[in-house]
Amino acid sequence: MNPALPPAVLAESKALDFLNSVATPQTTPFEWIVDGAGLLDWLSQSELVPDQVLQTFRAEGVPGELDAVANQIRALREWFRGFVLSHMGRPIPADVINELAPLNRVLARDDQFGQIVVDHRDGQLAWRSQRRWRSGETLMIPIAQAMAELITSGDFVHVKACQGHDCSMLFVDRTRGRARRWCSMGICGNRAKQAAHRDRRGAASNTAIRDRV
């Protein structure tokens, strides 16, 4: 389905925000990358691709091409979900390299180059990496890079799953003491508090009934 609410950006990692582009935060499943248009919208929200590039794809994209790319990206997402769930919470050993072949195949398609430009902020010369966006499949590259950066960083050992009932969201726990439990206190945290409050009231009511008996 193509929901009206904006994508969840609360994982402290663009790679995990990508996994959370399909999620069940409030008992109802949401899919943000339902088609090519949804893919462009999600990439805009995630700031992984420059807006001018996305505008070009919206204006000049071949009908059906972006929908096909969205299908590929959803497949990549579910492969990555399996990898994360298998390894999260601990350092990744080098012997998983063969498992990463699907990701490396995407990264090998990159067509990146560098240029010397004038930095508009200070008017000085600066080095900038550029990318040739030759086709819709190129949109997979920044997502794959975000995934690779998470896998090879120290953050991976702090990846957690939300403890909310039926919530499928993942996040990097950057809190002091690594005590984060919820994707969002405003969603799953409050629901857990309300459930605990109901349980306490129910227990107190049962105790009162037994005392009267």
N, C-alpha and C. Protein backbone atom coordinates (compact mmCIF):
# COMPACT_ATOMS: atom_id res chain seq x y z
N MET A 1 0.84 -1.18 0.00
CA MET A 1 0.00 0.00 0.00
C MET A 1 0.87 1.23 0.00
N ASN A 2 0.33 2.34 -0.44
CA ASN A 2 1.08 3.59 -0.51
C ASN A 2 0.54 4.53 0.55
N PRO A 3 1.15 4.57 1.74
CA PRO A 3 0.59 5.31 2.86
C PRO A 3 0.77 6.81 2.71
N ALA A 4 -0.07 7.54 3.43
CA ALA A 4 0.01 8.99 3.40
C ALA A 4 1.08 9.50 4.35
N LEU A 5 1.38 8.75 5.43
CA LEU A 5 2.35 9.25 6.38
C LEU A 5 3.76 9.14 5.83
N PRO A 6 4.66 10.05 6.26
CA PRO A 6 6.03 10.04 5.73
C PRO A 6 6.79 8.83 6.23
N PRO A 7 7.86 8.44 5.52
CA PRO A 7 8.65 7.30 5.96
C PRO A 7 9.25 7.52 7.34
N ALA A 8 9.43 6.43 8.07
CA ALA A 8 10.05 6.50 9.38
C ALA A 8 11.55 6.71 9.22
N VAL A 9 12.08 7.76 9.85
CA VAL A 9 13.51 8.04 9.82
C VAL A 9 13.95 8.16 11.27
N LEU A 10 14.16 7.04 11.92
CA LEU A 10 14.44 7.04 13.35
C LEU A 10 15.44 5.96 13.75
N ALA A 11 16.09 5.35 12.75
CA ALA A 11 16.97 4.22 13.04
C ALA A 11 18.40 4.63 13.38
N GLU A 12 18.75 5.92 13.23
CA GLU A 12 20.13 6.38 13.41
C GLU A 12 21.07 5.73 12.41
N SER A 13 20.52 5.29 11.29
CA SER A 13 21.31 4.66 10.22
C SER A 13 20.48 4.67 8.96
N LYS A 14 21.02 5.19 7.88
CA LYS A 14 20.26 5.22 6.63
C LYS A 14 20.01 3.80 6.11
N ALA A 15 20.94 2.89 6.36
CA ALA A 15 20.73 1.51 5.93
C ALA A 15 19.55 0.88 6.65
N LEU A 16 19.41 1.15 7.94
CA LEU A 16 18.29 0.60 8.69
C LEU A 16 17.00 1.36 8.41
N ASP A 17 17.10 2.65 8.11
CA ASP A 17 15.91 3.36 7.64
C ASP A 17 15.40 2.71 6.36
N PHE A 18 16.32 2.24 5.53
CA PHE A 18 15.94 1.51 4.32
C PHE A 18 15.19 0.23 4.68
N LEU A 19 15.69 -0.54 5.63
CA LEU A 19 14.97 -1.73 6.07
C LEU A 19 13.60 -1.37 6.62
N ASN A 20 13.52 -0.24 7.31
CA ASN A 20 12.25 0.19 7.90
C ASN A 20 11.31 0.82 6.89
N SER A 21 11.69 0.82 5.60
CA SER A 21 10.78 1.34 4.57
C SER A 21 9.61 0.39 4.34
N VAL A 22 9.65 -0.77 4.92
CA VAL A 22 8.46 -1.60 5.09
C VAL A 22 8.46 -1.98 6.57
N ALA A 23 7.37 -1.71 7.25
CA ALA A 23 7.37 -1.89 8.70
C ALA A 23 5.95 -2.02 9.21
N THR A 24 5.86 -2.44 10.47
CA THR A 24 4.57 -2.55 11.14
C THR A 24 4.67 -1.79 12.46
N PRO A 25 4.67 -0.46 12.41
CA PRO A 25 4.86 0.31 13.63
C PRO A 25 3.63 0.39 14.52
N GLN A 26 2.44 0.24 13.95
CA GLN A 26 1.22 0.37 14.74
C GLN A 26 0.20 -0.69 14.34
N THR A 27 0.65 -1.92 14.28
CA THR A 27 -0.15 -3.10 13.94
C THR A 27 -0.54 -3.17 12.47
N THR A 28 -0.39 -2.09 11.72
CA THR A 28 -0.74 -2.07 10.30
C THR A 28 0.51 -2.04 9.45
N PRO A 29 0.71 -2.99 8.53
CA PRO A 29 1.91 -2.98 7.69
C PRO A 29 1.90 -1.78 6.72
N PHE A 30 3.05 -1.17 6.57
CA PHE A 30 3.22 -0.07 5.62
C PHE A 30 4.38 -0.38 4.69
N GLU A 31 4.18 -0.16 3.41
CA GLU A 31 5.23 -0.31 2.40
C GLU A 31 5.40 1.03 1.71
N TRP A 32 6.57 1.65 1.90
CA TRP A 32 6.80 2.96 1.30
C TRP A 32 7.36 2.87 -0.12
N ILE A 33 8.00 1.76 -0.47
CA ILE A 33 8.58 1.63 -1.81
C ILE A 33 7.68 0.68 -2.61
N VAL A 34 6.46 1.09 -2.81
CA VAL A 34 5.48 0.22 -3.46
C VAL A 34 5.67 0.18 -4.97
N ASP A 35 6.25 1.26 -5.53
CA ASP A 35 6.46 1.34 -6.98
C ASP A 35 7.56 2.37 -7.26
N GLY A 36 7.75 2.69 -8.53
CA GLY A 36 8.81 3.63 -8.88
C GLY A 36 8.61 5.01 -8.26
N ALA A 37 7.37 5.49 -8.27
CA ALA A 37 7.10 6.80 -7.67
C ALA A 37 7.39 6.78 -6.17
N GLY A 38 6.99 5.69 -5.52
CA GLY A 38 7.27 5.55 -4.10
C GLY A 38 8.76 5.50 -3.81
N LEU A 39 9.51 4.85 -4.71
CA LEU A 39 10.96 4.80 -4.56
C LEU A 39 11.56 6.20 -4.60
N LEU A 40 11.16 7.01 -5.58
CA LEU A 40 11.70 8.37 -5.69
C LEU A 40 11.33 9.20 -4.47
N ASP A 41 10.10 9.04 -3.98
CA ASP A 41 9.68 9.77 -2.79
C ASP A 41 10.53 9.36 -1.58
N TRP A 42 10.75 8.04 -1.44
CA TRP A 42 11.53 7.58 -0.29
C TRP A 42 12.97 8.07 -0.38
N LEU A 43 13.56 8.02 -1.57
CA LEU A 43 14.93 8.50 -1.74
C LEU A 43 15.05 9.99 -1.43
N SER A 44 14.01 10.75 -1.76
CA SER A 44 14.00 12.17 -1.43
C SER A 44 13.98 12.38 0.08
N GLN A 45 13.11 11.63 0.77
CA GLN A 45 13.01 11.75 2.23
C GLN A 45 14.31 11.32 2.90
N SER A 46 14.95 10.30 2.36
CA SER A 46 16.17 9.77 2.98
C SER A 46 17.40 10.62 2.68
N GLU A 47 17.30 11.49 1.67
CA GLU A 47 18.40 12.36 1.25
C GLU A 47 19.61 11.56 0.77
N LEU A 48 19.36 10.39 0.21
CA LEU A 48 20.45 9.57 -0.33
C LEU A 48 20.80 9.96 -1.77
N VAL A 49 19.86 10.59 -2.46
CA VAL A 49 20.06 10.99 -3.86
C VAL A 49 19.71 12.47 -3.99
N PRO A 50 20.53 13.26 -4.68
CA PRO A 50 20.24 14.69 -4.83
C PRO A 50 18.86 14.92 -5.47
N ASP A 51 18.18 15.95 -5.00
CA ASP A 51 16.83 16.23 -5.49
C ASP A 51 16.80 16.48 -6.99
N GLN A 52 17.84 17.14 -7.53
CA GLN A 52 17.82 17.42 -8.96
C GLN A 52 17.90 16.14 -9.79
N VAL A 53 18.58 15.14 -9.25
CA VAL A 53 18.65 13.84 -9.93
C VAL A 53 17.28 13.18 -9.91
N LEU A 54 16.62 13.22 -8.77
CA LEU A 54 15.28 12.63 -8.66
C LEU A 54 14.29 13.34 -9.58
N GLN A 55 14.41 14.66 -9.67
CA GLN A 55 13.52 15.41 -10.56
C GLN A 55 13.71 15.00 -12.01
N THR A 56 14.95 14.73 -12.39
CA THR A 56 15.22 14.27 -13.75
C THR A 56 14.57 12.92 -14.01
N PHE A 57 14.68 12.01 -13.06
CA PHE A 57 14.05 10.70 -13.22
C PHE A 57 12.53 10.83 -13.29
N ARG A 58 11.96 11.74 -12.49
CA ARG A 58 10.50 11.93 -12.54
C ARG A 58 10.07 12.45 -13.92
N ALA A 59 10.87 13.35 -14.47
CA ALA A 59 10.49 13.99 -15.73
C ALA A 59 10.82 13.13 -16.94
N GLU A 60 11.90 12.36 -16.87
CA GLU A 60 12.39 11.68 -18.07
C GLU A 60 12.42 10.16 -17.95
N GLY A 61 11.98 9.63 -16.81
CA GLY A 61 12.05 8.19 -16.61
C GLY A 61 11.21 7.41 -17.61
N VAL A 62 11.73 6.27 -18.05
CA VAL A 62 11.00 5.41 -18.98
C VAL A 62 9.87 4.71 -18.23
N PRO A 63 8.63 4.74 -18.75
CA PRO A 63 7.51 4.09 -18.07
C PRO A 63 7.83 2.62 -17.77
N GLY A 64 7.61 2.25 -16.53
CA GLY A 64 7.84 0.87 -16.12
C GLY A 64 9.25 0.60 -15.63
N GLU A 65 10.23 1.41 -16.07
CA GLU A 65 11.62 1.15 -15.66
C GLU A 65 11.79 1.32 -14.16
N LEU A 66 11.26 2.41 -13.61
CA LEU A 66 11.43 2.66 -12.19
C LEU A 66 10.65 1.66 -11.35
N ASP A 67 9.51 1.19 -11.86
CA ASP A 67 8.77 0.15 -11.14
C ASP A 67 9.62 -1.12 -11.05
N ALA A 68 10.32 -1.45 -12.14
CA ALA A 68 11.20 -2.63 -12.13
C ALA A 68 12.36 -2.44 -11.16
N VAL A 69 12.90 -1.22 -11.12
CA VAL A 69 13.98 -0.94 -10.17
C VAL A 69 13.46 -1.05 -8.74
N ALA A 70 12.25 -0.57 -8.49
CA ALA A 70 11.66 -0.69 -7.15
C ALA A 70 11.55 -2.16 -6.75
N ASN A 71 11.20 -3.02 -7.69
CA ASN A 71 11.14 -4.46 -7.40
C ASN A 71 12.51 -4.98 -6.99
N GLN A 72 13.55 -4.58 -7.72
CA GLN A 72 14.91 -5.01 -7.39
C GLN A 72 15.33 -4.50 -6.01
N ILE A 73 14.96 -3.27 -5.72
CA ILE A 73 15.36 -2.68 -4.45
C ILE A 73 14.64 -3.35 -3.29
N ARG A 74 13.39 -3.72 -3.47
CA ARG A 74 12.69 -4.45 -2.40
C ARG A 74 13.35 -5.81 -2.17
N ALA A 75 13.78 -6.47 -3.25
CA ALA A 75 14.46 -7.76 -3.11
C ALA A 75 15.79 -7.59 -2.37
N LEU A 76 16.53 -6.53 -2.71
CA LEU A 76 17.79 -6.24 -2.01
C LEU A 76 17.52 -5.96 -0.54
N ARG A 77 16.46 -5.26 -0.27
CA ARG A 77 16.10 -4.93 1.11
C ARG A 77 15.86 -6.20 1.93
N GLU A 78 15.12 -7.15 1.37
CA GLU A 78 14.81 -8.36 2.14
C GLU A 78 16.03 -9.26 2.29
N TRP A 79 16.93 -9.24 1.29
CA TRP A 79 18.20 -9.95 1.47
C TRP A 79 18.96 -9.32 2.64
N PHE A 80 19.03 -8.00 2.66
CA PHE A 80 19.77 -7.30 3.72
C PHE A 80 19.12 -7.54 5.08
N ARG A 81 17.80 -7.62 5.12
CA ARG A 81 17.12 -7.87 6.39
C ARG A 81 17.57 -9.23 6.96
N GLY A 82 17.61 -10.23 6.08
CA GLY A 82 18.05 -11.54 6.53
C GLY A 82 19.48 -11.51 7.06
N PHE A 83 20.35 -10.78 6.36
CA PHE A 83 21.74 -10.68 6.81
C PHE A 83 21.82 -9.99 8.17
N VAL A 84 21.12 -8.87 8.33
CA VAL A 84 21.17 -8.12 9.58
C VAL A 84 20.63 -8.97 10.73
N LEU A 85 19.50 -9.61 10.54
CA LEU A 85 18.90 -10.40 11.62
C LEU A 85 19.79 -11.58 11.99
N SER A 86 20.56 -12.08 11.04
CA SER A 86 21.45 -13.21 11.33
C SER A 86 22.69 -12.79 12.11
N HIS A 87 23.13 -11.54 11.94
CA HIS A 87 24.43 -11.15 12.50
C HIS A 87 24.37 -9.98 13.48
N MET A 88 23.24 -9.33 13.65
CA MET A 88 23.21 -8.10 14.44
C MET A 88 23.58 -8.35 15.89
N GLY A 89 24.15 -7.30 16.49
CA GLY A 89 24.48 -7.36 17.90
C GLY A 89 25.86 -7.92 18.20
N ARG A 90 26.63 -8.24 17.18
CA ARG A 90 27.98 -8.76 17.40
C ARG A 90 28.87 -8.37 16.23
N PRO A 91 30.18 -8.37 16.43
CA PRO A 91 31.08 -8.04 15.32
C PRO A 91 30.92 -9.02 14.16
N ILE A 92 31.07 -8.51 12.95
CA ILE A 92 30.93 -9.36 11.77
C ILE A 92 32.30 -9.93 11.40
N PRO A 93 32.45 -11.24 11.38
CA PRO A 93 33.74 -11.83 11.01
C PRO A 93 33.98 -11.75 9.50
N ALA A 94 35.24 -11.83 9.12
CA ALA A 94 35.59 -11.73 7.70
C ALA A 94 35.07 -12.91 6.89
N ASP A 95 34.77 -14.03 7.55
CA ASP A 95 34.35 -15.20 6.78
C ASP A 95 32.92 -15.11 6.25
N VAL A 96 32.26 -13.97 6.47
CA VAL A 96 30.92 -13.79 5.89
C VAL A 96 31.01 -13.16 4.50
N ILE A 97 32.22 -12.97 4.00
CA ILE A 97 32.39 -12.23 2.75
C ILE A 97 31.57 -12.83 1.61
N ASN A 98 31.45 -14.14 1.55
CA ASN A 98 30.67 -14.76 0.47
C ASN A 98 29.19 -14.43 0.59
N GLU A 99 28.71 -14.23 1.81
CA GLU A 99 27.31 -13.84 2.00
C GLU A 99 27.03 -12.46 1.42
N LEU A 100 28.07 -11.66 1.31
CA LEU A 100 27.90 -10.27 0.87
C LEU A 100 27.99 -10.11 -0.64
N ALA A 101 28.06 -11.23 -1.36
CA ALA A 101 28.17 -11.16 -2.82
C ALA A 101 27.03 -10.36 -3.47
N PRO A 102 25.76 -10.52 -3.04
CA PRO A 102 24.69 -9.72 -3.66
C PRO A 102 24.92 -8.22 -3.52
N LEU A 103 25.44 -7.81 -2.38
CA LEU A 103 25.70 -6.39 -2.15
C LEU A 103 26.88 -5.92 -3.00
N ASN A 104 27.93 -6.70 -3.06
CA ASN A 104 29.09 -6.31 -3.86
C ASN A 104 28.77 -6.24 -5.35
N ARG A 105 27.84 -7.08 -5.80
CA ARG A 105 27.45 -7.00 -7.22
C ARG A 105 26.78 -5.67 -7.53
N VAL A 106 25.97 -5.18 -6.62
CA VAL A 106 25.34 -3.86 -6.82
C VAL A 106 26.40 -2.77 -6.78
N LEU A 107 27.30 -2.82 -5.82
CA LEU A 107 28.33 -1.79 -5.68
C LEU A 107 29.25 -1.75 -6.90
N ALA A 108 29.44 -2.89 -7.56
CA ALA A 108 30.33 -2.94 -8.72
C ALA A 108 29.77 -2.18 -9.92
N ARG A 109 28.49 -1.82 -9.88
CA ARG A 109 27.88 -1.09 -10.99
C ARG A 109 28.15 0.42 -10.92
N ASP A 110 28.76 0.86 -9.84
CA ASP A 110 28.90 2.30 -9.63
C ASP A 110 29.77 2.94 -10.71
N ASP A 111 29.39 4.12 -11.11
CA ASP A 111 30.13 4.88 -12.12
C ASP A 111 30.42 6.26 -11.52
N GLN A 112 31.39 6.28 -10.62
CA GLN A 112 31.68 7.49 -9.87
C GLN A 112 33.01 8.09 -10.32
N PHE A 113 33.11 9.39 -10.21
CA PHE A 113 34.34 10.09 -10.56
C PHE A 113 34.47 11.31 -9.67
N GLY A 114 35.63 11.94 -9.69
CA GLY A 114 35.85 13.13 -8.88
C GLY A 114 36.16 14.34 -9.73
N GLN A 115 35.85 15.52 -9.19
CA GLN A 115 36.16 16.77 -9.88
C GLN A 115 36.59 17.82 -8.87
N ILE A 116 37.41 18.75 -9.35
CA ILE A 116 37.74 19.92 -8.54
C ILE A 116 36.71 21.00 -8.86
N VAL A 117 36.08 21.53 -7.81
CA VAL A 117 35.02 22.52 -7.98
C VAL A 117 35.28 23.69 -7.03
N VAL A 118 34.50 24.75 -7.19
CA VAL A 118 34.54 25.87 -6.26
C VAL A 118 33.44 25.65 -5.22
N ASP A 119 33.83 25.57 -3.98
CA ASP A 119 32.88 25.37 -2.89
C ASP A 119 32.06 26.65 -2.71
N HIS A 120 30.74 26.55 -2.85
CA HIS A 120 29.90 27.74 -2.77
C HIS A 120 29.87 28.33 -1.37
N ARG A 121 30.29 27.54 -0.37
CA ARG A 121 30.24 28.04 1.01
C ARG A 121 31.37 29.02 1.32
N ASP A 122 32.57 28.74 0.78
CA ASP A 122 33.70 29.61 1.11
C ASP A 122 34.46 30.12 -0.12
N GLY A 123 34.00 29.73 -1.32
CA GLY A 123 34.64 30.19 -2.53
C GLY A 123 35.99 29.57 -2.82
N GLN A 124 36.35 28.52 -2.08
CA GLN A 124 37.64 27.87 -2.26
C GLN A 124 37.50 26.62 -3.13
N LEU A 125 38.63 26.20 -3.69
CA LEU A 125 38.63 24.96 -4.47
C LEU A 125 38.43 23.77 -3.54
N ALA A 126 37.70 22.78 -4.04
CA ALA A 126 37.42 21.59 -3.23
C ALA A 126 37.27 20.38 -4.14
N TRP A 127 37.50 19.22 -3.57
CA TRP A 127 37.34 17.96 -4.29
C TRP A 127 35.93 17.42 -4.04
N ARG A 128 35.23 17.05 -5.11
CA ARG A 128 33.88 16.53 -4.98
C ARG A 128 33.74 15.24 -5.77
N SER A 129 33.13 14.26 -5.13
CA SER A 129 32.79 13.02 -5.84
C SER A 129 31.48 13.23 -6.59
N GLN A 130 31.42 12.75 -7.81
CA GLN A 130 30.23 12.85 -8.64
C GLN A 130 29.84 11.45 -9.10
N ARG A 131 28.61 11.31 -9.56
CA ARG A 131 28.15 10.01 -10.06
C ARG A 131 27.39 10.23 -11.36
N ARG A 132 27.62 9.34 -12.32
CA ARG A 132 26.83 9.34 -13.55
C ARG A 132 25.59 8.49 -13.32
N TRP A 133 24.43 9.12 -13.38
CA TRP A 133 23.16 8.43 -13.14
C TRP A 133 22.64 7.94 -14.49
N ARG A 134 23.20 6.86 -14.98
CA ARG A 134 22.93 6.42 -16.35
C ARG A 134 21.56 5.76 -16.51
N SER A 135 21.05 5.15 -15.46
CA SER A 135 19.77 4.45 -15.55
C SER A 135 19.13 4.39 -14.17
N GLY A 136 17.90 3.90 -14.13
CA GLY A 136 17.21 3.78 -12.85
C GLY A 136 17.94 2.88 -11.88
N GLU A 137 18.64 1.86 -12.40
CA GLU A 137 19.35 0.95 -11.51
C GLU A 137 20.45 1.65 -10.72
N THR A 138 20.93 2.78 -11.23
CA THR A 138 21.95 3.54 -10.51
C THR A 138 21.43 4.01 -9.16
N LEU A 139 20.11 4.13 -9.02
CA LEU A 139 19.53 4.57 -7.75
C LEU A 139 19.78 3.57 -6.64
N MET A 140 20.15 2.34 -6.99
CA MET A 140 20.44 1.34 -5.98
C MET A 140 21.78 1.60 -5.30
N ILE A 141 22.68 2.32 -5.98
CA ILE A 141 24.06 2.45 -5.49
C ILE A 141 24.14 3.16 -4.13
N PRO A 142 23.52 4.34 -3.94
CA PRO A 142 23.63 4.99 -2.63
C PRO A 142 23.05 4.14 -1.50
N ILE A 143 21.99 3.39 -1.79
CA ILE A 143 21.43 2.50 -0.78
C ILE A 143 22.44 1.42 -0.42
N ALA A 144 23.04 0.82 -1.45
CA ALA A 144 24.03 -0.23 -1.22
C ALA A 144 25.23 0.32 -0.45
N GLN A 145 25.63 1.55 -0.74
CA GLN A 145 26.75 2.15 -0.01
C GLN A 145 26.41 2.32 1.47
N ALA A 146 25.19 2.76 1.75
CA ALA A 146 24.77 2.92 3.15
C ALA A 146 24.80 1.57 3.87
N MET A 147 24.38 0.52 3.19
CA MET A 147 24.41 -0.82 3.77
C MET A 147 25.85 -1.25 4.05
N ALA A 148 26.74 -1.02 3.07
CA ALA A 148 28.15 -1.41 3.23
C ALA A 148 28.80 -0.64 4.38
N GLU A 149 28.47 0.64 4.49
CA GLU A 149 29.05 1.44 5.57
C GLU A 149 28.60 0.93 6.94
N LEU A 150 27.35 0.52 7.07
CA LEU A 150 26.88 -0.02 8.34
C LEU A 150 27.59 -1.33 8.66
N ILE A 151 27.70 -2.21 7.67
CA ILE A 151 28.31 -3.52 7.88
C ILE A 151 29.77 -3.39 8.33
N THR A 152 30.48 -2.42 7.79
CA THR A 152 31.91 -2.30 8.07
C THR A 152 32.22 -1.31 9.19
N SER A 153 31.20 -0.79 9.84
CA SER A 153 31.41 0.17 10.92
C SER A 153 31.21 -0.50 12.28
N GLY A 154 31.63 0.21 13.31
CA GLY A 154 31.41 -0.29 14.66
C GLY A 154 29.96 -0.23 15.10
N ASP A 155 29.12 0.46 14.33
CA ASP A 155 27.71 0.58 14.70
C ASP A 155 26.97 -0.75 14.63
N PHE A 156 27.46 -1.67 13.80
CA PHE A 156 26.68 -2.89 13.56
C PHE A 156 26.45 -3.67 14.85
N VAL A 157 27.40 -3.64 15.77
CA VAL A 157 27.23 -4.40 17.02
C VAL A 157 26.13 -3.80 17.89
N HIS A 158 25.70 -2.58 17.57
CA HIS A 158 24.67 -1.92 18.38
C HIS A 158 23.31 -1.90 17.67
N VAL A 159 23.16 -2.71 16.63
CA VAL A 159 21.86 -2.81 15.96
C VAL A 159 20.92 -3.62 16.84
N LYS A 160 19.71 -3.11 17.01
CA LYS A 160 18.70 -3.78 17.83
C LYS A 160 17.36 -3.79 17.10
N ALA A 161 16.51 -4.70 17.52
CA ALA A 161 15.13 -4.74 17.05
C ALA A 161 14.24 -4.10 18.11
N CYS A 162 13.27 -3.33 17.68
CA CYS A 162 12.31 -2.73 18.61
C CYS A 162 11.61 -3.83 19.40
N GLN A 163 11.43 -3.59 20.69
CA GLN A 163 10.78 -4.57 21.55
C GLN A 163 9.26 -4.40 21.58
N GLY A 164 8.75 -3.48 20.78
CA GLY A 164 7.31 -3.30 20.72
C GLY A 164 6.60 -4.53 20.16
N HIS A 165 5.41 -4.78 20.64
CA HIS A 165 4.64 -5.94 20.20
C HIS A 165 4.35 -5.83 18.70
N ASP A 166 4.79 -6.84 17.95
CA ASP A 166 4.57 -6.92 16.50
C ASP A 166 5.31 -5.85 15.70
N CYS A 167 6.16 -5.04 16.33
CA CYS A 167 6.91 -4.02 15.59
C CYS A 167 8.12 -4.67 14.93
N SER A 168 8.35 -4.32 13.69
CA SER A 168 9.45 -4.93 12.93
C SER A 168 10.63 -3.98 12.73
N MET A 169 10.60 -2.81 13.34
CA MET A 169 11.63 -1.81 13.07
C MET A 169 12.95 -2.14 13.76
N LEU A 170 14.04 -1.73 13.10
CA LEU A 170 15.40 -1.91 13.60
C LEU A 170 16.05 -0.54 13.77
N PHE A 171 17.06 -0.48 14.64
CA PHE A 171 17.74 0.79 14.87
C PHE A 171 19.12 0.54 15.44
N VAL A 172 19.97 1.57 15.38
CA VAL A 172 21.27 1.55 16.05
C VAL A 172 21.09 2.24 17.40
N ASP A 173 21.45 1.54 18.46
CA ASP A 173 21.31 2.10 19.81
C ASP A 173 22.53 2.95 20.13
N ARG A 174 22.35 4.26 20.08
CA ARG A 174 23.44 5.19 20.39
C ARG A 174 23.29 5.80 21.78
N THR A 175 22.34 5.32 22.57
CA THR A 175 22.11 5.90 23.88
C THR A 175 23.23 5.55 24.84
N ARG A 176 23.37 6.36 25.87
CA ARG A 176 24.35 6.07 26.91
C ARG A 176 23.93 4.79 27.63
N GLY A 177 24.83 3.86 27.74
CA GLY A 177 24.50 2.59 28.37
C GLY A 177 23.80 1.61 27.45
N ARG A 178 23.58 2.01 26.18
CA ARG A 178 22.92 1.15 25.18
C ARG A 178 21.60 0.62 25.73
N ALA A 179 20.77 1.54 26.23
CA ALA A 179 19.54 1.14 26.91
C ALA A 179 18.28 1.32 26.07
N ARG A 180 18.43 1.74 24.82
CA ARG A 180 17.24 1.98 23.99
C ARG A 180 16.50 0.67 23.72
N ARG A 181 15.17 0.72 23.84
CA ARG A 181 14.35 -0.48 23.64
C ARG A 181 13.35 -0.33 22.51
N TRP A 182 13.00 0.92 22.18
CA TRP A 182 11.88 1.13 21.25
C TRP A 182 12.34 1.87 19.99
N CYS A 183 11.63 1.62 18.90
CA CYS A 183 11.87 2.41 17.69
C CYS A 183 11.57 3.87 17.98
N SER A 184 10.52 4.11 18.76
CA SER A 184 10.11 5.47 19.12
C SER A 184 9.33 5.41 20.42
N MET A 185 9.68 6.29 21.36
CA MET A 185 8.89 6.37 22.59
C MET A 185 7.48 6.81 22.30
N GLY A 186 7.30 7.62 21.24
CA GLY A 186 5.97 8.10 20.89
C GLY A 186 5.07 7.04 20.31
N ILE A 187 5.65 5.94 19.85
CA ILE A 187 4.84 4.87 19.26
C ILE A 187 4.88 3.66 20.18
N CYS A 188 5.91 2.85 20.05
CA CYS A 188 5.97 1.60 20.79
C CYS A 188 6.22 1.81 22.28
N GLY A 189 7.00 2.83 22.64
CA GLY A 189 7.25 3.08 24.05
C GLY A 189 5.97 3.40 24.80
N ASN A 190 5.14 4.27 24.24
CA ASN A 190 3.88 4.62 24.89
C ASN A 190 2.92 3.45 24.94
N ARG A 191 2.89 2.65 23.87
CA ARG A 191 2.03 1.48 23.86
C ARG A 191 2.44 0.50 24.95
N ALA A 192 3.74 0.32 25.15
CA ALA A 192 4.23 -0.58 26.19
C ALA A 192 3.87 -0.05 27.58
N LYS A 193 4.00 1.27 27.77
CA LYS A 193 3.62 1.86 29.05
C LYS A 193 2.14 1.67 29.34
N GLN A 194 1.31 1.88 28.32
CA GLN A 194 -0.13 1.71 28.50
C GLN A 194 -0.48 0.27 28.82
N ALA A 195 0.19 -0.67 28.14
CA ALA A 195 -0.07 -2.09 28.40
C ALA A 195 0.35 -2.46 29.82
N ALA A 196 1.50 -1.95 30.27
CA ALA A 196 1.97 -2.23 31.62
C ALA A 196 1.02 -1.64 32.65
N HIS A 197 0.49 -0.44 32.36
CA HIS A 197 -0.46 0.19 33.28
C HIS A 197 -1.74 -0.63 33.37
N ARG A 198 -2.22 -1.14 32.24
CA ARG A 198 -3.42 -1.98 32.27
C ARG A 198 -3.17 -3.26 33.06
N ASP A 199 -1.98 -3.83 32.89
CA ASP A 199 -1.66 -5.05 33.63
C ASP A 199 -1.63 -4.80 35.13
N ARG A 200 -1.05 -3.65 35.53
CA ARG A 200 -1.00 -3.34 36.96
C ARG A 200 -2.39 -3.12 37.52
N ARG A 201 -3.24 -2.42 36.76
CA ARG A 201 -4.61 -2.20 37.23
C ARG A 201 -5.36 -3.51 37.33
N GLY A 202 -5.14 -4.39 36.34
CA GLY A 202 -5.81 -5.68 36.38
C GLY A 202 -5.35 -6.51 37.56
N ALA A 203 -4.05 -6.49 37.84
CA ALA A 203 -3.52 -7.25 38.97
C ALA A 203 -4.06 -6.70 40.28
N ALA A 204 -4.12 -5.36 40.40
CA ALA A 204 -4.64 -4.75 41.62
C ALA A 204 -6.11 -5.08 41.81
N SER A 205 -6.88 -5.09 40.71
CA SER A 205 -8.29 -5.43 40.79
C SER A 205 -8.49 -6.87 41.24
N ASN A 206 -7.69 -7.78 40.70
CA ASN A 206 -7.80 -9.19 41.08
C ASN A 206 -7.45 -9.39 42.55
N THR A 207 -6.43 -8.65 43.03
CA THR A 207 -6.05 -8.74 44.44
C THR A 207 -7.18 -8.25 45.34
N ALA A 208 -7.81 -7.15 44.93
CA ALA A 208 -8.91 -6.60 45.73
C ALA A 208 -10.08 -7.58 45.78
N ILE A 209 -10.37 -8.25 44.68
CA ILE A 209 -11.46 -9.22 44.66
C ILE A 209 -11.15 -10.39 45.58
N ARG A 210 -9.91 -10.89 45.54
CA ARG A 210 -9.53 -12.01 46.41
C ARG A 210 -9.63 -11.61 47.87
N ASP A 211 -9.22 -10.36 48.18
CA ASP A 211 -9.28 -9.90 49.57
C ASP A 211 -10.72 -9.86 50.07
N ARG A 212 -11.64 -9.45 49.19
CA ARG A 212 -13.04 -9.38 49.61
C ARG A 212 -13.60 -10.78 49.85
N VAL A 213 -13.15 -11.74 49.04
CA VAL A 213 -13.62 -13.12 49.19
C VAL A 213 -13.02 -13.73 50.45
